[in-house]
Amino acid sequence: MVVQQVVEKDKGISVEQKLRDLYELQTVDSEIDKIQILRGELPLEVQDLEDELAGLETRIQNVEDELVELNSAIAKKKTEIEEAQALIKKYESQQDNVRNNREYDSLSKEIEFQTLEIQLCEKRINEFTARLKDKQALSEDSKKIFEERKNDLEIKKKELGDIIAETQKEEEILAKRSEVLSARIEERLITAYRRIRKNARNGLAVVTVQRDACGGCFNHIPPQRQLDIKSRKKIIVCEYCGRILVDDEITGIDK
């Protein structure tokens, strides 16, 4: 990768000041990163639990609706059985007053048909009852899991709330400082800085030269390039990782 060098022509702000601002911005943003790392996976865990609870609520509601439908279906079949039994009694009573075998046979067929209807209804009731039992078990299990996840969510939210309470003030101060520094840095530089930060695994876009090497990727930097960095006349980036390079002295750190 060819080394990218930009000769600064802005007379209002020196290159050295721009490098100092960039490094300070990196320091501030890194502190914000540390706070977010301290929170760890808690925000994601909270979100996952909230999503799971929402899914469980939907499942429980659907099961409850199915239970209502099954109970209604069972009640309907029981009513049909009662109606069939009433018809059987009616037809049996009519058989006592038939005038011929044809009428008797006709009533017998009606009785047989209603008897079959009763058997079919009883079969359906047994099927609905079995499904009802399964759905009730599913409902109870879902409600149990819901309560467990609800408790987990409360615990996670408290943990996250405690961490946020401890770090919120510091983070707000750092965030404001980051905004001030970002506004002070010219747009093309801040855009490049954010792009590099986004692509860097550790979020470092501005690094110092450490032991003759890039503080980001640790690849060797030639002596002449180190002299160019120390001169603070140009914005110089690492030819290997693309991070902006600054010397130790500009940060106030002794070698």
C-alpha atoms as a PDB file:
ATOM      1  CA  MET A   1       0.000   0.000   0.000  1.00  0.00           C
ATOM      2  CA  VAL A   2       1.376   3.417  -0.973  1.00  0.00           C
ATOM      3  CA  VAL A   3       1.912   5.751   1.954  1.00  0.00           C
ATOM      4  CA  GLN A   4      -0.738   8.459   1.994  1.00  0.00           C
ATOM      5  CA  GLN A   5       0.625  11.904   2.809  1.00  0.00           C
ATOM      6  CA  VAL A   6      -1.287  15.142   2.833  1.00  0.00           C
ATOM      7  CA  VAL A   7       0.503  18.488   2.945  1.00  0.00           C
ATOM      8  CA  GLU A   8      -1.606  20.813   5.048  1.00  0.00           C
ATOM      9  CA  LYS A   9      -2.233  24.272   3.564  1.00  0.00           C
ATOM     10  CA  ASP A  10      -4.730  25.564   6.121  1.00  0.00           C
ATOM     11  CA  LYS A  11      -3.062  28.663   7.545  1.00  0.00           C
ATOM     12  CA  GLY A  12      -5.602  28.967  10.341  1.00  0.00           C
ATOM     13  CA  ILE A  13      -4.629  25.777  12.174  1.00  0.00           C
ATOM     14  CA  SER A  14      -1.179  24.216  12.103  1.00  0.00           C
ATOM     15  CA  VAL A  15      -0.671  20.577  11.223  1.00  0.00           C
ATOM     16  CA  GLU A  16       0.748  20.023  14.684  1.00  0.00           C
ATOM     17  CA  GLN A  17      -2.439  21.348  16.281  1.00  0.00           C
ATOM     18  CA  LYS A  18      -4.533  19.152  14.022  1.00  0.00           C
ATOM     19  CA  LEU A  19      -2.485  16.136  15.059  1.00  0.00           C
ATOM     20  CA  ARG A  20      -2.867  17.068  18.722  1.00  0.00           C
ATOM     21  CA  ASP A  21      -6.639  17.423  18.287  1.00  0.00           C
ATOM     22  CA  LEU A  22      -6.862  14.104  16.466  1.00  0.00           C
ATOM     23  CA  TYR A  23      -4.863  12.343  19.146  1.00  0.00           C
ATOM     24  CA  GLU A  24      -6.931  13.902  21.945  1.00  0.00           C
ATOM     25  CA  LEU A  25     -10.119  12.925  20.131  1.00  0.00           C
ATOM     26  CA  GLN A  26      -8.823   9.381  19.868  1.00  0.00           C
ATOM     27  CA  THR A  27      -8.012   9.371  23.599  1.00  0.00           C
ATOM     28  CA  VAL A  28     -11.498  10.622  24.480  1.00  0.00           C
ATOM     29  CA  ASP A  29     -13.241   8.165  22.142  1.00  0.00           C
ATOM     30  CA  SER A  30     -11.137   5.313  23.541  1.00  0.00           C
ATOM     31  CA  GLU A  31     -12.311   6.218  27.050  1.00  0.00           C
ATOM     32  CA  ILE A  32     -15.907   6.091  25.815  1.00  0.00           C
ATOM     33  CA  ASP A  33     -15.131   2.690  24.269  1.00  0.00           C
ATOM     34  CA  LYS A  34     -13.866   1.449  27.648  1.00  0.00           C
ATOM     35  CA  ILE A  35     -17.113   2.492  29.322  1.00  0.00           C
ATOM     36  CA  GLN A  36     -19.130   0.680  26.664  1.00  0.00           C
ATOM     37  CA  ILE A  37     -16.917  -2.388  27.041  1.00  0.00           C
ATOM     38  CA  LEU A  38     -17.566  -2.241  30.789  1.00  0.00           C
ATOM     39  CA  ARG A  39     -21.241  -2.645  30.011  1.00  0.00           C
ATOM     40  CA  GLY A  40     -20.250  -5.678  27.987  1.00  0.00           C
ATOM     41  CA  GLU A  41     -23.041  -7.699  26.448  1.00  0.00           C
ATOM     42  CA  LEU A  42     -25.645  -6.453  28.928  1.00  0.00           C
ATOM     43  CA  PRO A  43     -27.465  -4.136  26.475  1.00  0.00           C
ATOM     44  CA  LEU A  44     -27.725  -6.980  23.948  1.00  0.00           C
ATOM     45  CA  GLU A  45     -28.800  -9.435  26.643  1.00  0.00           C
ATOM     46  CA  VAL A  46     -31.504  -7.021  27.789  1.00  0.00           C
ATOM     47  CA  GLN A  47     -32.715  -6.593  24.210  1.00  0.00           C
ATOM     48  CA  ASP A  48     -32.705 -10.366  23.614  1.00  0.00           C
ATOM     49  CA  LEU A  49     -34.726 -10.957  26.788  1.00  0.00           C
ATOM     50  CA  GLU A  50     -37.220  -8.253  25.840  1.00  0.00           C
ATOM     51  CA  ASP A  51     -37.621  -9.832  22.396  1.00  0.00           C
ATOM     52  CA  GLU A  52     -38.031 -13.287  23.930  1.00  0.00           C
ATOM     53  CA  LEU A  53     -40.664 -12.002  26.354  1.00  0.00           C
ATOM     54  CA  ALA A  54     -42.563 -10.401  23.497  1.00  0.00           C
ATOM     55  CA  GLY A  55     -42.458 -13.719  21.626  1.00  0.00           C
ATOM     56  CA  LEU A  56     -43.629 -15.626  24.708  1.00  0.00           C
ATOM     57  CA  GLU A  57     -46.505 -13.200  25.209  1.00  0.00           C
ATOM     58  CA  THR A  58     -47.621 -13.805  21.639  1.00  0.00           C
ATOM     59  CA  ARG A  59     -47.306 -17.570  22.071  1.00  0.00           C
ATOM     60  CA  ILE A  60     -49.249 -17.541  25.345  1.00  0.00           C
ATOM     61  CA  GLN A  61     -52.008 -15.420  23.803  1.00  0.00           C
ATOM     62  CA  ASN A  62     -52.250 -17.747  20.804  1.00  0.00           C
ATOM     63  CA  VAL A  63     -52.450 -20.790  23.064  1.00  0.00           C
ATOM     64  CA  GLU A  64     -55.104 -19.109  25.217  1.00  0.00           C
ATOM     65  CA  ASP A  65     -57.132 -18.395  22.078  1.00  0.00           C
ATOM     66  CA  GLU A  66     -56.807 -22.045  21.041  1.00  0.00           C
ATOM     67  CA  LEU A  67     -57.947 -23.156  24.504  1.00  0.00           C
ATOM     68  CA  VAL A  68     -61.052 -21.000  24.189  1.00  0.00           C
ATOM     69  CA  GLU A  69     -61.760 -22.474  20.758  1.00  0.00           C
ATOM     70  CA  LEU A  70     -61.271 -26.056  21.980  1.00  0.00           C
ATOM     71  CA  ASN A  71     -63.520 -25.534  25.003  1.00  0.00           C
ATOM     72  CA  SER A  72     -66.112 -24.001  22.715  1.00  0.00           C
ATOM     73  CA  ALA A  73     -65.827 -26.944  20.314  1.00  0.00           C
ATOM     74  CA  ILE A  74     -66.222 -29.442  23.170  1.00  0.00           C
ATOM     75  CA  ALA A  75     -69.267 -27.586  24.496  1.00  0.00           C
ATOM     76  CA  LYS A  76     -70.767 -27.569  20.992  1.00  0.00           C
ATOM     77  CA  LYS A  77     -70.278 -31.319  20.611  1.00  0.00           C
ATOM     78  CA  LYS A  78     -71.855 -31.945  24.010  1.00  0.00           C
ATOM     79  CA  THR A  79     -74.861 -29.889  22.918  1.00  0.00           C
ATOM     80  CA  GLU A  80     -75.077 -31.928  19.710  1.00  0.00           C
ATOM     81  CA  ILE A  81     -75.018 -35.131  21.793  1.00  0.00           C
ATOM     82  CA  GLU A  82     -77.876 -33.844  23.950  1.00  0.00           C
ATOM     83  CA  GLU A  83     -79.851 -32.940  20.846  1.00  0.00           C
ATOM     84  CA  ALA A  84     -79.210 -36.392  19.330  1.00  0.00           C
ATOM     85  CA  GLN A  85     -80.224 -38.119  22.557  1.00  0.00           C
ATOM     86  CA  ALA A  86     -83.445 -36.082  22.623  1.00  0.00           C
ATOM     87  CA  LEU A  87     -84.181 -37.128  19.029  1.00  0.00           C
ATOM     88  CA  ILE A  88     -83.533 -40.774  19.854  1.00  0.00           C
ATOM     89  CA  LYS A  89     -86.058 -40.602  22.703  1.00  0.00           C
ATOM     90  CA  LYS A  90     -88.521 -38.917  20.376  1.00  0.00           C
ATOM     91  CA  TYR A  91     -88.069 -41.546  17.652  1.00  0.00           C
ATOM     92  CA  GLU A  92     -88.284 -44.388  20.177  1.00  0.00           C
ATOM     93  CA  SER A  93     -91.548 -42.917  21.463  1.00  0.00           C
ATOM     94  CA  GLN A  94     -92.882 -42.629  17.911  1.00  0.00           C
ATOM     95  CA  GLN A  95     -92.032 -46.281  17.258  1.00  0.00           C
ATOM     96  CA  ASP A  96     -94.667 -47.249  19.804  1.00  0.00           C
ATOM     97  CA  ASN A  97     -97.345 -45.676  17.626  1.00  0.00           C
ATOM     98  CA  VAL A  98     -96.276 -46.694  14.116  1.00  0.00           C
ATOM     99  CA  ARG A  99     -98.878 -48.020  11.729  1.00  0.00           C
ATOM    100  CA  ASN A 100     -96.614 -50.285   9.680  1.00  0.00           C
ATOM    101  CA  ASN A 101     -93.154 -51.784   9.389  1.00  0.00           C
ATOM    102  CA  ARG A 102     -92.071 -49.166   6.901  1.00  0.00           C
ATOM    103  CA  GLU A 103     -92.551 -46.369   9.424  1.00  0.00           C
ATOM    104  CA  TYR A 104     -90.869 -48.465  12.112  1.00  0.00           C
ATOM    105  CA  ASP A 105     -87.823 -49.125   9.890  1.00  0.00           C
ATOM    106  CA  SER A 106     -87.623 -45.460   8.960  1.00  0.00           C
ATOM    107  CA  LEU A 107     -87.581 -44.447  12.622  1.00  0.00           C
ATOM    108  CA  SER A 108     -85.004 -47.157  13.369  1.00  0.00           C
ATOM    109  CA  LYS A 109     -82.728 -45.711  10.731  1.00  0.00           C
ATOM    110  CA  GLU A 110     -83.098 -42.254  12.267  1.00  0.00           C
ATOM    111  CA  ILE A 111     -82.247 -43.697  15.685  1.00  0.00           C
ATOM    112  CA  GLU A 112     -79.230 -45.473  14.206  1.00  0.00           C
ATOM    113  CA  PHE A 113     -78.099 -42.253  12.493  1.00  0.00           C
ATOM    114  CA  GLN A 114     -78.376 -40.230  15.700  1.00  0.00           C
ATOM    115  CA  THR A 115     -76.512 -42.958  17.590  1.00  0.00           C
ATOM    116  CA  LEU A 116     -73.685 -42.699  15.057  1.00  0.00           C
ATOM    117  CA  GLU A 117     -73.756 -38.920  15.440  1.00  0.00           C
ATOM    118  CA  ILE A 118     -73.347 -39.329  19.189  1.00  0.00           C
ATOM    119  CA  GLN A 119     -70.400 -41.681  18.697  1.00  0.00           C
ATOM    120  CA  LEU A 120     -68.787 -39.243  16.262  1.00  0.00           C
ATOM    121  CA  CYS A 121     -69.292 -36.363  18.694  1.00  0.00           C
ATOM    122  CA  GLU A 122     -67.771 -38.393  21.521  1.00  0.00           C
ATOM    123  CA  LYS A 123     -64.779 -39.188  19.309  1.00  0.00           C
ATOM    124  CA  ARG A 124     -64.332 -35.504  18.524  1.00  0.00           C
ATOM    125  CA  ILE A 125     -64.677 -34.609  22.204  1.00  0.00           C
ATOM    126  CA  ASN A 126     -61.914 -37.090  23.050  1.00  0.00           C
ATOM    127  CA  GLU A 127     -59.701 -35.577  20.347  1.00  0.00           C
ATOM    128  CA  PHE A 128     -60.419 -32.024  21.490  1.00  0.00           C
ATOM    129  CA  THR A 129     -59.844 -33.000  25.120  1.00  0.00           C
ATOM    130  CA  ALA A 130     -56.444 -34.510  24.287  1.00  0.00           C
ATOM    131  CA  ARG A 131     -55.471 -31.366  22.368  1.00  0.00           C
ATOM    132  CA  LEU A 132     -56.829 -29.263  25.207  1.00  0.00           C
ATOM    133  CA  LYS A 133     -54.607 -31.094  27.670  1.00  0.00           C
ATOM    134  CA  ASP A 134     -51.530 -30.558  25.472  1.00  0.00           C
ATOM    135  CA  LYS A 135     -52.328 -26.873  25.017  1.00  0.00           C
ATOM    136  CA  GLN A 136     -52.860 -26.405  28.742  1.00  0.00           C
ATOM    137  CA  ALA A 137     -49.470 -27.982  29.419  1.00  0.00           C
ATOM    138  CA  LEU A 138     -47.897 -25.739  26.765  1.00  0.00           C
ATOM    139  CA  SER A 139     -49.590 -22.709  28.288  1.00  0.00           C
ATOM    140  CA  GLU A 140     -48.329 -23.558  31.774  1.00  0.00           C
ATOM    141  CA  ASP A 141     -44.787 -24.168  30.508  1.00  0.00           C
ATOM    142  CA  SER A 142     -44.816 -20.924  28.507  1.00  0.00           C
ATOM    143  CA  LYS A 143     -46.079 -18.947  31.499  1.00  0.00           C
ATOM    144  CA  LYS A 144     -43.398 -20.495  33.691  1.00  0.00           C
ATOM    145  CA  ILE A 145     -40.666 -19.626  31.185  1.00  0.00           C
ATOM    146  CA  PHE A 146     -42.163 -16.142  30.838  1.00  0.00           C
ATOM    147  CA  GLU A 147     -41.870 -15.525  34.580  1.00  0.00           C
ATOM    148  CA  GLU A 148     -38.299 -16.861  34.627  1.00  0.00           C
ATOM    149  CA  ARG A 149     -37.278 -14.635  31.720  1.00  0.00           C
ATOM    150  CA  LYS A 150     -39.084 -11.696  33.293  1.00  0.00           C
ATOM    151  CA  ASN A 151     -37.026 -12.154  36.459  1.00  0.00           C
ATOM    152  CA  ASP A 152     -33.852 -12.480  34.384  1.00  0.00           C
ATOM    153  CA  LEU A 153     -34.726  -9.263  32.577  1.00  0.00           C
ATOM    154  CA  GLU A 154     -35.256  -7.391  35.835  1.00  0.00           C
ATOM    155  CA  ILE A 155     -31.861  -8.564  37.087  1.00  0.00           C
ATOM    156  CA  LYS A 156     -30.096  -7.633  33.836  1.00  0.00           C
ATOM    157  CA  LYS A 157     -31.793  -4.250  33.720  1.00  0.00           C
ATOM    158  CA  LYS A 158     -30.703  -3.545  37.287  1.00  0.00           C
ATOM    159  CA  GLU A 159     -27.119  -4.543  36.484  1.00  0.00           C
ATOM    160  CA  LEU A 160     -27.135  -2.347  33.379  1.00  0.00           C
ATOM    161  CA  GLY A 161     -28.775   0.500  35.279  1.00  0.00           C
ATOM    162  CA  ASP A 162     -26.143   0.344  38.011  1.00  0.00           C
ATOM    163  CA  ILE A 163     -23.311   0.471  35.470  1.00  0.00           C
ATOM    164  CA  ILE A 164     -24.935   3.323  33.563  1.00  0.00           C
ATOM    165  CA  ALA A 165     -25.492   5.240  36.799  1.00  0.00           C
ATOM    166  CA  GLU A 166     -21.816   4.848  37.696  1.00  0.00           C
ATOM    167  CA  THR A 167     -20.504   5.913  34.294  1.00  0.00           C
ATOM    168  CA  GLN A 168     -23.199   8.181  32.862  1.00  0.00           C
ATOM    169  CA  LYS A 169     -21.760  11.452  34.129  1.00  0.00           C
ATOM    170  CA  GLU A 170     -18.257  10.572  32.939  1.00  0.00           C
ATOM    171  CA  GLU A 171     -19.571   9.415  29.574  1.00  0.00           C
ATOM    172  CA  GLU A 172     -21.585  12.604  29.101  1.00  0.00           C
ATOM    173  CA  ILE A 173     -18.492  14.723  29.789  1.00  0.00           C
ATOM    174  CA  LEU A 174     -16.427  12.642  27.383  1.00  0.00           C
ATOM    175  CA  ALA A 175     -19.140  12.736  24.725  1.00  0.00           C
ATOM    176  CA  LYS A 176     -19.321  16.536  24.909  1.00  0.00           C
ATOM    177  CA  ARG A 177     -15.540  16.772  24.659  1.00  0.00           C
ATOM    178  CA  SER A 178     -15.616  14.448  21.653  1.00  0.00           C
ATOM    179  CA  GLU A 179     -18.207  16.688  19.993  1.00  0.00           C
ATOM    180  CA  VAL A 180     -16.118  19.805  20.636  1.00  0.00           C
ATOM    181  CA  LEU A 181     -12.982  18.212  19.214  1.00  0.00           C
ATOM    182  CA  SER A 182     -14.859  16.767  16.225  1.00  0.00           C
ATOM    183  CA  ALA A 183     -16.283  20.192  15.405  1.00  0.00           C
ATOM    184  CA  ARG A 184     -12.804  21.727  15.611  1.00  0.00           C
ATOM    185  CA  ILE A 185     -11.284  19.245  13.166  1.00  0.00           C
ATOM    186  CA  GLU A 186     -11.881  19.849   9.477  1.00  0.00           C
ATOM    187  CA  GLU A 187     -14.511  17.689   7.859  1.00  0.00           C
ATOM    188  CA  ARG A 188     -12.258  15.623   5.582  1.00  0.00           C
ATOM    189  CA  LEU A 189     -10.008  14.661   8.488  1.00  0.00           C
ATOM    190  CA  ILE A 190     -12.858  13.779  10.830  1.00  0.00           C
ATOM    191  CA  THR A 191     -14.453  11.715   8.054  1.00  0.00           C
ATOM    192  CA  ALA A 192     -11.182   9.820   7.505  1.00  0.00           C
ATOM    193  CA  TYR A 193     -10.749   9.388  11.268  1.00  0.00           C
ATOM    194  CA  ARG A 194     -14.208   7.884  11.693  1.00  0.00           C
ATOM    195  CA  ARG A 195     -13.763   5.602   8.702  1.00  0.00           C
ATOM    196  CA  ILE A 196     -10.458   4.271  10.039  1.00  0.00           C
ATOM    197  CA  ARG A 197     -11.927   3.880  13.540  1.00  0.00           C
ATOM    198  CA  LYS A 198     -14.875   1.947  12.196  1.00  0.00           C
ATOM    199  CA  ASN A 199     -12.646  -0.486  10.317  1.00  0.00           C
ATOM    200  CA  ALA A 200     -10.067  -0.883  13.100  1.00  0.00           C
ATOM    201  CA  ARG A 201     -10.608  -3.883  15.366  1.00  0.00           C
ATOM    202  CA  ASN A 202      -9.711  -1.948  18.516  1.00  0.00           C
ATOM    203  CA  GLY A 203     -11.206   1.355  17.413  1.00  0.00           C
ATOM    204  CA  LEU A 204      -7.799   3.037  17.127  1.00  0.00           C
ATOM    205  CA  ALA A 205      -7.515   5.464  14.234  1.00  0.00           C
ATOM    206  CA  VAL A 206      -4.643   7.547  15.666  1.00  0.00           C
ATOM    207  CA  VAL A 207      -1.628   5.744  17.127  1.00  0.00           C
ATOM    208  CA  THR A 208       1.885   6.595  18.245  1.00  0.00           C
ATOM    209  CA  VAL A 209       5.125   5.217  16.932  1.00  0.00           C
ATOM    210  CA  GLN A 210       6.303   2.666  19.479  1.00  0.00           C
ATOM    211  CA  ARG A 211       9.761   1.088  19.283  1.00  0.00           C
ATOM    212  CA  ASP A 212      10.125   2.081  15.636  1.00  0.00           C
ATOM    213  CA  ALA A 213       6.795   0.460  14.772  1.00  0.00           C
ATOM    214  CA  CYS A 214       3.159   1.431  14.194  1.00  0.00           C
ATOM    215  CA  GLY A 215       1.250   1.358  17.482  1.00  0.00           C
ATOM    216  CA  GLY A 216      -1.724  -0.170  15.688  1.00  0.00           C
ATOM    217  CA  CYS A 217      -0.395  -2.988  13.517  1.00  0.00           C
ATOM    218  CA  PHE A 218       3.202  -3.082  14.893  1.00  0.00           C
ATOM    219  CA  ASN A 219       4.813  -3.064  11.464  1.00  0.00           C
ATOM    220  CA  HIS A 220       8.241  -1.424  11.223  1.00  0.00           C
ATOM    221  CA  ILE A 221       8.404   2.247  10.231  1.00  0.00           C
ATOM    222  CA  PRO A 222      11.568   3.362   8.365  1.00  0.00           C
ATOM    223  CA  PRO A 223      13.768   5.999  10.085  1.00  0.00           C
ATOM    224  CA  GLN A 224      13.062   8.659   7.456  1.00  0.00           C
ATOM    225  CA  ARG A 225       9.325   8.164   7.849  1.00  0.00           C
ATOM    226  CA  GLN A 226       9.730   8.533  11.628  1.00  0.00           C
ATOM    227  CA  LEU A 227      11.526  11.851  11.094  1.00  0.00           C
ATOM    228  CA  ASP A 228       8.648  13.018   8.877  1.00  0.00           C
ATOM    229  CA  ILE A 229       6.192  12.073  11.627  1.00  0.00           C
ATOM    230  CA  LYS A 230       8.206  13.943  14.254  1.00  0.00           C
ATOM    231  CA  SER A 231       8.346  17.055  12.057  1.00  0.00           C
ATOM    232  CA  ARG A 232       4.541  17.334  12.273  1.00  0.00           C
ATOM    233  CA  LYS A 233       4.363  18.997   8.889  1.00  0.00           C
ATOM    234  CA  LYS A 234       2.146  16.379   7.243  1.00  0.00           C
ATOM    235  CA  ILE A 235      -0.650  13.986   8.150  1.00  0.00           C
ATOM    236  CA  ILE A 236       1.017  10.610   7.682  1.00  0.00           C
ATOM    237  CA  VAL A 237      -0.713   7.237   7.805  1.00  0.00           C
ATOM    238  CA  CYS A 238       0.700   3.748   8.218  1.00  0.00           C
ATOM    239  CA  GLU A 239       1.270   2.109   4.845  1.00  0.00           C
ATOM    240  CA  TYR A 240       0.128  -1.242   6.283  1.00  0.00           C
ATOM    241  CA  CYS A 241      -3.003  -0.508   8.354  1.00  0.00           C
ATOM    242  CA  GLY A 242      -3.917   3.030   7.297  1.00  0.00           C
ATOM    243  CA  ARG A 243      -3.923   4.479  10.829  1.00  0.00           C
ATOM    244  CA  ILE A 244      -2.849   8.082  11.396  1.00  0.00           C
ATOM    245  CA  LEU A 245       0.606   8.182  12.970  1.00  0.00           C
ATOM    246  CA  VAL A 246       1.867  10.626  15.623  1.00  0.00           C
ATOM    247  CA  ASP A 247       5.101  10.728  17.627  1.00  0.00           C
ATOM    248  CA  ASP A 248       5.278  10.034  21.360  1.00  0.00           C
ATOM    249  CA  GLU A 249       6.273  13.575  22.240  1.00  0.00           C
ATOM    250  CA  ILE A 250       3.112  15.134  20.878  1.00  0.00           C
ATOM    251  CA  THR A 251       1.135  13.074  23.380  1.00  0.00           C
ATOM    252  CA  GLY A 252       3.244  14.095  26.359  1.00  0.00           C
ATOM    253  CA  ILE A 253       4.521  10.519  26.763  1.00  0.00           C
ATOM    254  CA  ASP A 254       8.195   9.931  27.310  1.00  0.00           C
ATOM    255  CA  LYS A 255       9.873   7.249  25.264  1.00  0.00           C
END
